[in-house]
């Protein structure tokens, strides 16, 4: 059992040890104190958080409308 888990544990250990490199990501503009950049990140985060909720909610409303539109037998 332990031998079967060894590759997974090894990958997990390497992943945890290399996580510090991700904190210095050049894409995230670390250290930039520009208000426009921070506002853009907040707006993008809100958009990416709400988009799936709107898709699921829209699908639910569509299915509810279709269900109510079917004639009763």
C-alpha atoms as a PDB file:
ATOM      1  CA  UNK A   1       0.000   0.000   0.000  1.00  0.00           C
ATOM      2  CA  UNK A   2       2.783   2.442   0.885  1.00  0.00           C
ATOM      3  CA  UNK A   3       4.608   1.652  -2.366  1.00  0.00           C
ATOM      4  CA  UNK A   4       1.519   2.554  -4.334  1.00  0.00           C
ATOM      5  CA  UNK A   5       1.271   5.928  -2.575  1.00  0.00           C
ATOM      6  CA  UNK A   6       4.965   6.777  -2.890  1.00  0.00           C
ATOM      7  CA  UNK A   7       4.758   8.525  -6.305  1.00  0.00           C
ATOM      8  CA  UNK A   8       1.817  10.606  -5.137  1.00  0.00           C
ATOM      9  CA  UNK A   9       3.567  11.558  -1.906  1.00  0.00           C
ATOM     10  CA  UNK A  10       6.773  12.406  -3.788  1.00  0.00           C
ATOM     11  CA  UNK A  11       4.910  14.686  -6.209  1.00  0.00           C
ATOM     12  CA  UNK A  12       3.079  16.320  -3.301  1.00  0.00           C
ATOM     13  CA  UNK A  13       6.355  16.918  -1.447  1.00  0.00           C
ATOM     14  CA  UNK A  14       7.982  18.525  -4.498  1.00  0.00           C
ATOM     15  CA  UNK A  15       4.902  20.664  -5.061  1.00  0.00           C
ATOM     16  CA  UNK A  16       4.932  21.918  -1.459  1.00  0.00           C
ATOM     17  CA  UNK A  17       8.670  22.629  -1.547  1.00  0.00           C
ATOM     18  CA  UNK A  18       8.429  24.611  -4.792  1.00  0.00           C
ATOM     19  CA  UNK A  19       5.426  26.702  -3.714  1.00  0.00           C
ATOM     20  CA  UNK A  20       7.630  29.615  -2.601  1.00  0.00           C
ATOM     21  CA  UNK A  21       8.559  30.329  -6.209  1.00  0.00           C
ATOM     22  CA  UNK A  22       4.931  31.024  -7.025  1.00  0.00           C
ATOM     23  CA  UNK A  23       4.810  33.870  -4.516  1.00  0.00           C
ATOM     24  CA  UNK A  24       7.212  35.904  -6.661  1.00  0.00           C
ATOM     25  CA  UNK A  25       5.125  35.659  -9.823  1.00  0.00           C
ATOM     26  CA  UNK A  26       5.987  38.367 -12.355  1.00  0.00           C
ATOM     27  CA  UNK A  27       2.506  38.308 -13.841  1.00  0.00           C
ATOM     28  CA  UNK A  28       0.814  39.391 -10.606  1.00  0.00           C
ATOM     29  CA  UNK A  29       2.811  42.649 -10.584  1.00  0.00           C
ATOM     30  CA  UNK A  30       3.939  42.090  -7.036  1.00  0.00           C
ATOM     31  CA  UNK A  31       4.983  45.284  -5.326  1.00  0.00           C
ATOM     32  CA  UNK A  32       3.111  47.573  -7.713  1.00  0.00           C
ATOM     33  CA  UNK A  33       1.045  50.013  -5.658  1.00  0.00           C
ATOM     34  CA  UNK A  34      -0.941  51.446  -8.578  1.00  0.00           C
ATOM     35  CA  UNK A  35      -4.602  51.833  -7.611  1.00  0.00           C
ATOM     36  CA  UNK A  36      -5.814  51.133 -11.158  1.00  0.00           C
ATOM     37  CA  UNK A  37      -3.991  47.802 -11.204  1.00  0.00           C
ATOM     38  CA  UNK A  38      -5.460  46.762  -7.852  1.00  0.00           C
ATOM     39  CA  UNK A  39      -8.951  47.798  -8.930  1.00  0.00           C
ATOM     40  CA  UNK A  40      -8.551  45.817 -12.141  1.00  0.00           C
ATOM     41  CA  UNK A  41      -7.599  42.694 -10.200  1.00  0.00           C
ATOM     42  CA  UNK A  42     -10.588  43.106  -7.887  1.00  0.00           C
ATOM     43  CA  UNK A  43     -12.951  43.627 -10.816  1.00  0.00           C
ATOM     44  CA  UNK A  44     -11.559  40.591 -12.649  1.00  0.00           C
ATOM     45  CA  UNK A  45     -11.879  38.466  -9.514  1.00  0.00           C
ATOM     46  CA  UNK A  46     -15.496  39.501  -9.031  1.00  0.00           C
ATOM     47  CA  UNK A  47     -16.258  38.835 -12.702  1.00  0.00           C
ATOM     48  CA  UNK A  48     -14.658  35.378 -12.654  1.00  0.00           C
ATOM     49  CA  UNK A  49     -16.480  34.517  -9.423  1.00  0.00           C
ATOM     50  CA  UNK A  50     -19.918  35.636 -10.584  1.00  0.00           C
ATOM     51  CA  UNK A  51     -19.796  34.304 -14.159  1.00  0.00           C
ATOM     52  CA  UNK A  52     -20.248  30.610 -13.231  1.00  0.00           C
ATOM     53  CA  UNK A  53     -23.010  31.509 -10.803  1.00  0.00           C
ATOM     54  CA  UNK A  54     -24.836  33.439 -13.523  1.00  0.00           C
ATOM     55  CA  UNK A  55     -24.458  30.554 -15.978  1.00  0.00           C
ATOM     56  CA  UNK A  56     -25.858  28.043 -13.487  1.00  0.00           C
ATOM     57  CA  UNK A  57     -28.647  30.427 -12.472  1.00  0.00           C
ATOM     58  CA  UNK A  58     -29.513  31.131 -16.103  1.00  0.00           C
ATOM     59  CA  UNK A  59     -29.642  27.405 -16.821  1.00  0.00           C
ATOM     60  CA  UNK A  60     -31.931  26.886 -13.850  1.00  0.00           C
ATOM     61  CA  UNK A  61     -34.273  29.672 -14.955  1.00  0.00           C
ATOM     62  CA  UNK A  62     -34.311  28.324 -18.511  1.00  0.00           C
ATOM     63  CA  UNK A  63     -35.200  24.814 -17.335  1.00  0.00           C
ATOM     64  CA  UNK A  64     -37.867  26.162 -14.993  1.00  0.00           C
ATOM     65  CA  UNK A  65     -39.400  28.173 -17.825  1.00  0.00           C
ATOM     66  CA  UNK A  66     -39.359  25.137 -20.129  1.00  0.00           C
ATOM     67  CA  UNK A  67     -40.903  22.961 -17.413  1.00  0.00           C
ATOM     68  CA  UNK A  68     -43.724  25.448 -16.786  1.00  0.00           C
ATOM     69  CA  UNK A  69     -44.341  25.877 -20.529  1.00  0.00           C
ATOM     70  CA  UNK A  70     -44.996  22.175 -21.135  1.00  0.00           C
ATOM     71  CA  UNK A  71     -48.690  21.322 -21.229  1.00  0.00           C
ATOM     72  CA  UNK A  72     -50.012  19.163 -18.423  1.00  0.00           C
ATOM     73  CA  UNK A  73     -51.353  15.801 -19.481  1.00  0.00           C
END
